N, C-alpha and C. Protein backbone atom coordinates (compact mmCIF):
# COMPACT_ATOMS: atom_id res chain seq x y z
N MET A 1 -43.27 42.27 -5.24
CA MET A 1 -43.24 41.13 -4.35
C MET A 1 -42.21 40.13 -4.85
N THR A 2 -41.38 39.65 -3.93
CA THR A 2 -40.31 38.74 -4.31
C THR A 2 -40.71 37.30 -4.02
N ASN A 3 -40.04 36.43 -4.67
CA ASN A 3 -40.25 35.01 -4.49
C ASN A 3 -39.64 34.60 -3.14
N PRO A 4 -40.37 33.92 -2.26
CA PRO A 4 -39.81 33.56 -0.95
C PRO A 4 -38.65 32.55 -1.05
N ILE A 5 -38.69 31.70 -2.03
CA ILE A 5 -37.60 30.73 -2.19
C ILE A 5 -36.33 31.44 -2.62
N THR A 6 -36.46 32.39 -3.56
CA THR A 6 -35.30 33.15 -3.99
C THR A 6 -34.74 33.99 -2.84
N ALA A 7 -35.60 34.59 -2.06
CA ALA A 7 -35.15 35.37 -0.90
C ALA A 7 -34.43 34.47 0.11
N TRP A 8 -34.94 33.27 0.31
CA TRP A 8 -34.30 32.34 1.25
C TRP A 8 -32.93 31.92 0.74
N ILE A 9 -32.81 31.64 -0.56
CA ILE A 9 -31.52 31.24 -1.15
C ILE A 9 -30.53 32.38 -1.03
N LYS A 10 -30.96 33.61 -1.33
CA LYS A 10 -30.05 34.76 -1.24
C LYS A 10 -29.61 35.01 0.19
N SER A 11 -30.49 34.76 1.15
CA SER A 11 -30.10 34.97 2.54
C SER A 11 -29.08 33.93 3.02
N ARG A 12 -29.07 32.76 2.39
CA ARG A 12 -28.14 31.69 2.78
C ARG A 12 -26.84 31.70 1.98
N MET A 13 -26.75 32.53 0.95
CA MET A 13 -25.56 32.54 0.10
C MET A 13 -24.39 33.17 0.82
N ILE A 14 -23.19 32.69 0.52
CA ILE A 14 -21.96 33.23 1.08
C ILE A 14 -21.58 34.48 0.29
N THR A 15 -21.22 35.52 0.99
CA THR A 15 -20.84 36.76 0.32
C THR A 15 -19.38 36.68 -0.12
N TYR A 16 -18.98 37.64 -0.92
CA TYR A 16 -17.60 37.70 -1.40
C TYR A 16 -16.64 37.89 -0.22
N LYS A 17 -17.01 38.74 0.71
CA LYS A 17 -16.16 38.99 1.89
C LYS A 17 -15.99 37.72 2.72
N ASP A 18 -17.06 36.95 2.89
CA ASP A 18 -16.96 35.69 3.63
C ASP A 18 -16.01 34.72 2.95
N ARG A 19 -16.09 34.63 1.62
CA ARG A 19 -15.17 33.76 0.88
C ARG A 19 -13.74 34.20 1.04
N GLU A 20 -13.49 35.51 0.97
CA GLU A 20 -12.13 36.02 1.12
C GLU A 20 -11.60 35.77 2.53
N ASP A 21 -12.43 35.99 3.53
CA ASP A 21 -12.01 35.72 4.91
C ASP A 21 -11.71 34.25 5.12
N TRP A 22 -12.54 33.39 4.54
CA TRP A 22 -12.30 31.96 4.64
C TRP A 22 -10.99 31.57 3.97
N MET A 23 -10.69 32.16 2.81
CA MET A 23 -9.45 31.85 2.10
C MET A 23 -8.23 32.30 2.89
N VAL A 24 -8.31 33.50 3.49
CA VAL A 24 -7.19 33.99 4.31
C VAL A 24 -6.96 33.05 5.49
N GLU A 25 -8.04 32.61 6.12
CA GLU A 25 -7.92 31.69 7.25
C GLU A 25 -7.33 30.36 6.81
N ARG A 26 -7.76 29.86 5.66
CA ARG A 26 -7.25 28.60 5.17
C ARG A 26 -5.76 28.67 4.83
N VAL A 27 -5.36 29.76 4.20
CA VAL A 27 -3.95 29.93 3.86
C VAL A 27 -3.09 30.03 5.12
N SER A 28 -3.58 30.77 6.12
CA SER A 28 -2.80 30.89 7.35
C SER A 28 -2.71 29.55 8.08
N GLU A 29 -3.79 28.77 8.12
CA GLU A 29 -3.73 27.45 8.75
C GLU A 29 -2.77 26.53 8.02
N ASN A 30 -2.79 26.57 6.70
CA ASN A 30 -1.88 25.71 5.94
C ASN A 30 -0.43 26.09 6.14
N SER A 31 -0.15 27.39 6.23
CA SER A 31 1.24 27.80 6.45
C SER A 31 1.70 27.39 7.84
N ILE A 32 0.81 27.48 8.83
CA ILE A 32 1.16 27.04 10.18
C ILE A 32 1.41 25.54 10.19
N ASN A 33 0.55 24.78 9.53
CA ASN A 33 0.73 23.32 9.49
C ASN A 33 2.00 22.94 8.75
N ALA A 34 2.34 23.67 7.69
CA ALA A 34 3.57 23.38 6.96
C ALA A 34 4.79 23.65 7.84
N GLN A 35 4.73 24.72 8.63
CA GLN A 35 5.84 25.02 9.52
C GLN A 35 5.95 23.98 10.63
N LYS A 36 4.81 23.50 11.12
CA LYS A 36 4.83 22.44 12.13
C LYS A 36 5.49 21.19 11.57
N TYR A 37 5.16 20.86 10.32
CA TYR A 37 5.74 19.68 9.70
C TYR A 37 7.24 19.85 9.55
N ALA A 38 7.67 21.05 9.15
CA ALA A 38 9.11 21.29 9.00
C ALA A 38 9.81 21.22 10.35
N ASP A 39 9.20 21.76 11.39
CA ASP A 39 9.80 21.71 12.72
C ASP A 39 9.89 20.28 13.23
N GLU A 40 8.83 19.50 13.02
CA GLU A 40 8.85 18.12 13.47
C GLU A 40 9.86 17.29 12.68
N ARG A 41 9.99 17.59 11.41
CA ARG A 41 10.89 16.81 10.58
C ARG A 41 12.35 17.07 10.92
N HIS A 42 12.66 18.31 11.31
CA HIS A 42 14.04 18.66 11.60
C HIS A 42 14.31 18.76 13.10
N GLY A 43 13.40 18.23 13.90
CA GLY A 43 13.57 18.28 15.34
C GLY A 43 14.62 17.28 15.80
N PRO A 44 14.91 17.26 17.11
CA PRO A 44 15.95 16.37 17.62
C PRO A 44 15.59 14.89 17.53
N PHE A 45 14.28 14.58 17.49
CA PHE A 45 13.88 13.18 17.46
C PHE A 45 13.55 12.70 16.06
N MET A 46 13.56 13.57 15.09
CA MET A 46 13.22 13.19 13.73
C MET A 46 14.36 13.60 12.79
N PRO A 47 15.28 12.73 12.49
CA PRO A 47 16.36 13.11 11.58
C PRO A 47 15.83 13.31 10.16
N HIS A 48 16.65 13.92 9.34
CA HIS A 48 16.24 14.21 7.97
C HIS A 48 15.99 12.90 7.21
N ASP A 49 14.94 12.89 6.42
CA ASP A 49 14.54 11.75 5.58
C ASP A 49 14.17 10.51 6.40
N VAL A 50 13.65 10.72 7.61
CA VAL A 50 13.26 9.57 8.43
C VAL A 50 12.06 8.86 7.82
N TYR A 51 11.26 9.56 7.05
CA TYR A 51 10.08 8.94 6.46
C TYR A 51 10.45 7.92 5.39
N ARG A 52 11.66 7.99 4.86
CA ARG A 52 12.06 7.03 3.84
C ARG A 52 12.30 5.64 4.42
N CYS A 53 12.58 5.57 5.72
CA CYS A 53 12.85 4.28 6.36
C CYS A 53 11.57 3.62 6.84
N GLU A 54 10.47 4.31 6.79
CA GLU A 54 9.23 3.77 7.32
C GLU A 54 8.61 2.80 6.32
N CYS A 55 8.34 1.61 6.77
CA CYS A 55 7.82 0.57 5.87
C CYS A 55 6.45 0.13 6.35
N ARG A 56 5.48 1.01 6.32
CA ARG A 56 4.14 0.64 6.76
C ARG A 56 3.46 -0.29 5.77
N THR A 57 3.91 -0.28 4.53
CA THR A 57 3.28 -1.18 3.56
C THR A 57 3.75 -2.61 3.76
N HIS A 58 4.87 -2.80 4.48
CA HIS A 58 5.39 -4.14 4.76
C HIS A 58 5.53 -4.30 6.27
N PRO A 59 4.43 -4.53 6.97
CA PRO A 59 4.56 -4.63 8.43
C PRO A 59 5.30 -5.89 8.83
N ASN A 60 6.15 -5.74 9.84
CA ASN A 60 6.93 -6.88 10.33
C ASN A 60 6.56 -7.10 11.79
N PHE A 61 5.29 -7.20 12.07
CA PHE A 61 4.82 -7.39 13.44
C PHE A 61 4.07 -8.71 13.51
N ARG A 62 4.83 -9.78 13.56
CA ARG A 62 4.24 -11.11 13.69
C ARG A 62 4.56 -11.62 15.08
N PRO A 63 3.58 -12.18 15.77
CA PRO A 63 3.89 -12.69 17.11
C PRO A 63 4.86 -13.84 17.03
N ALA A 64 5.93 -13.75 17.77
CA ALA A 64 6.93 -14.80 17.80
C ALA A 64 7.31 -15.05 19.25
N ALA A 65 7.48 -16.31 19.62
CA ALA A 65 7.80 -16.64 21.00
C ALA A 65 9.22 -16.18 21.32
N ALA A 66 9.36 -15.51 22.47
CA ALA A 66 10.68 -15.06 22.89
C ALA A 66 11.56 -16.26 23.22
N THR A 67 11.03 -17.15 24.00
CA THR A 67 11.69 -18.43 24.27
C THR A 67 10.61 -19.51 24.19
N SER A 68 11.05 -20.73 23.97
CA SER A 68 10.06 -21.79 23.81
C SER A 68 9.32 -22.08 25.10
N GLY A 69 9.89 -21.72 26.25
CA GLY A 69 9.22 -21.93 27.52
C GLY A 69 7.99 -21.07 27.70
N TYR A 70 7.95 -19.92 27.03
CA TYR A 70 6.81 -19.01 27.13
C TYR A 70 5.81 -19.19 25.98
N ALA A 71 6.03 -20.11 25.10
CA ALA A 71 5.14 -20.28 23.95
C ALA A 71 3.74 -20.64 24.42
N GLY A 72 2.74 -19.93 23.87
CA GLY A 72 1.36 -20.17 24.24
C GLY A 72 0.90 -19.42 25.46
N GLN A 73 1.81 -18.70 26.12
CA GLN A 73 1.44 -17.90 27.28
C GLN A 73 1.37 -16.43 26.89
N GLU A 74 0.98 -15.61 27.87
CA GLU A 74 0.85 -14.18 27.58
C GLU A 74 2.21 -13.55 27.30
N ALA A 75 3.26 -14.05 27.95
CA ALA A 75 4.60 -13.49 27.76
C ALA A 75 5.28 -14.03 26.51
N GLY A 76 4.63 -14.96 25.82
CA GLY A 76 5.28 -15.62 24.70
C GLY A 76 5.38 -14.79 23.44
N ASP A 77 4.48 -13.83 23.24
CA ASP A 77 4.53 -13.04 22.01
C ASP A 77 5.52 -11.89 22.19
N ALA A 78 6.70 -12.04 21.67
CA ALA A 78 7.74 -11.03 21.85
C ALA A 78 7.33 -9.74 21.16
N GLY A 79 7.44 -8.63 21.85
CA GLY A 79 7.14 -7.32 21.27
C GLY A 79 5.67 -7.00 21.19
N SER A 80 4.82 -7.73 21.89
CA SER A 80 3.39 -7.45 21.83
C SER A 80 2.96 -6.71 23.09
N PHE A 81 1.77 -6.13 23.02
CA PHE A 81 1.24 -5.43 24.18
C PHE A 81 0.88 -6.41 25.30
N ARG A 82 0.50 -7.62 24.92
CA ARG A 82 0.19 -8.61 25.94
C ARG A 82 1.43 -8.96 26.74
N ALA A 83 2.56 -9.13 26.06
CA ALA A 83 3.80 -9.44 26.77
C ALA A 83 4.23 -8.26 27.65
N MET A 84 4.06 -7.05 27.15
CA MET A 84 4.40 -5.88 27.95
C MET A 84 3.54 -5.82 29.21
N ARG A 85 2.25 -6.09 29.08
CA ARG A 85 1.36 -6.09 30.24
C ARG A 85 1.76 -7.18 31.22
N TYR A 86 2.14 -8.35 30.72
CA TYR A 86 2.57 -9.45 31.58
C TYR A 86 3.79 -9.04 32.41
N TYR A 87 4.80 -8.47 31.76
CA TYR A 87 6.00 -8.08 32.48
C TYR A 87 5.75 -6.89 33.41
N GLN A 88 4.90 -5.95 33.01
CA GLN A 88 4.59 -4.83 33.88
C GLN A 88 3.86 -5.30 35.14
N ASN A 89 2.94 -6.24 34.99
CA ASN A 89 2.26 -6.79 36.16
C ASN A 89 3.25 -7.51 37.07
N GLY A 90 4.20 -8.23 36.49
CA GLY A 90 5.22 -8.90 37.30
C GLY A 90 6.10 -7.89 38.03
N PHE A 91 6.48 -6.82 37.35
CA PHE A 91 7.30 -5.79 37.99
C PHE A 91 6.53 -5.10 39.11
N ALA A 92 5.24 -4.86 38.89
CA ALA A 92 4.42 -4.21 39.94
C ALA A 92 4.29 -5.12 41.15
N THR A 93 4.13 -6.40 40.93
CA THR A 93 4.05 -7.35 42.04
C THR A 93 5.35 -7.38 42.82
N ARG A 94 6.47 -7.41 42.12
CA ARG A 94 7.79 -7.42 42.78
C ARG A 94 8.02 -6.11 43.54
N ARG A 95 7.60 -4.99 42.97
CA ARG A 95 7.73 -3.71 43.65
C ARG A 95 6.92 -3.70 44.95
N ASP A 96 5.70 -4.24 44.90
CA ASP A 96 4.88 -4.29 46.11
C ASP A 96 5.52 -5.19 47.17
N GLU A 97 6.13 -6.29 46.75
CA GLU A 97 6.82 -7.15 47.70
C GLU A 97 7.98 -6.43 48.36
N ILE A 98 8.74 -5.68 47.58
CA ILE A 98 9.88 -4.93 48.12
C ILE A 98 9.39 -3.86 49.09
N LEU A 99 8.31 -3.15 48.74
CA LEU A 99 7.80 -2.10 49.61
C LEU A 99 7.25 -2.67 50.92
N THR A 100 6.58 -3.80 50.88
CA THR A 100 6.10 -4.41 52.12
C THR A 100 7.26 -4.91 52.97
N ASP A 101 8.31 -5.42 52.32
CA ASP A 101 9.49 -5.87 53.07
C ASP A 101 10.17 -4.68 53.74
N ILE A 102 10.25 -3.56 53.05
CA ILE A 102 10.85 -2.36 53.64
C ILE A 102 9.99 -1.85 54.80
N ALA A 103 8.67 -1.91 54.63
CA ALA A 103 7.76 -1.43 55.70
C ALA A 103 7.86 -2.32 56.93
N LYS A 104 8.07 -3.63 56.76
CA LYS A 104 8.17 -4.55 57.89
C LYS A 104 9.51 -4.40 58.60
N ASN A 105 10.59 -4.44 57.83
CA ASN A 105 11.94 -4.50 58.40
C ASN A 105 12.59 -3.12 58.57
N GLY A 106 11.99 -2.13 58.03
CA GLY A 106 12.51 -0.77 58.21
C GLY A 106 13.60 -0.42 57.34
């Protein structure tokens, strides 16, 4: 008669074949990921050593007014998502005006 706890542990243990299959899968995934990194690094949009120019440790994203007339408004923060949304909404409004004018006057 065997110990039920020991039998349960043995039934849950990973076999040698499972470990080898897992290692083969891991090595193949890593080689694919390494090739993806090499392709992305040498692609048309990523020149060589582009990561050296990246300064994430020194972010330069401070809200600054584009002009003093927009200071304190949504369009005042140059390069922000709020300013982009402000100008996109303005462009959409102007587009709708042009389309209604074309629909009226032909």
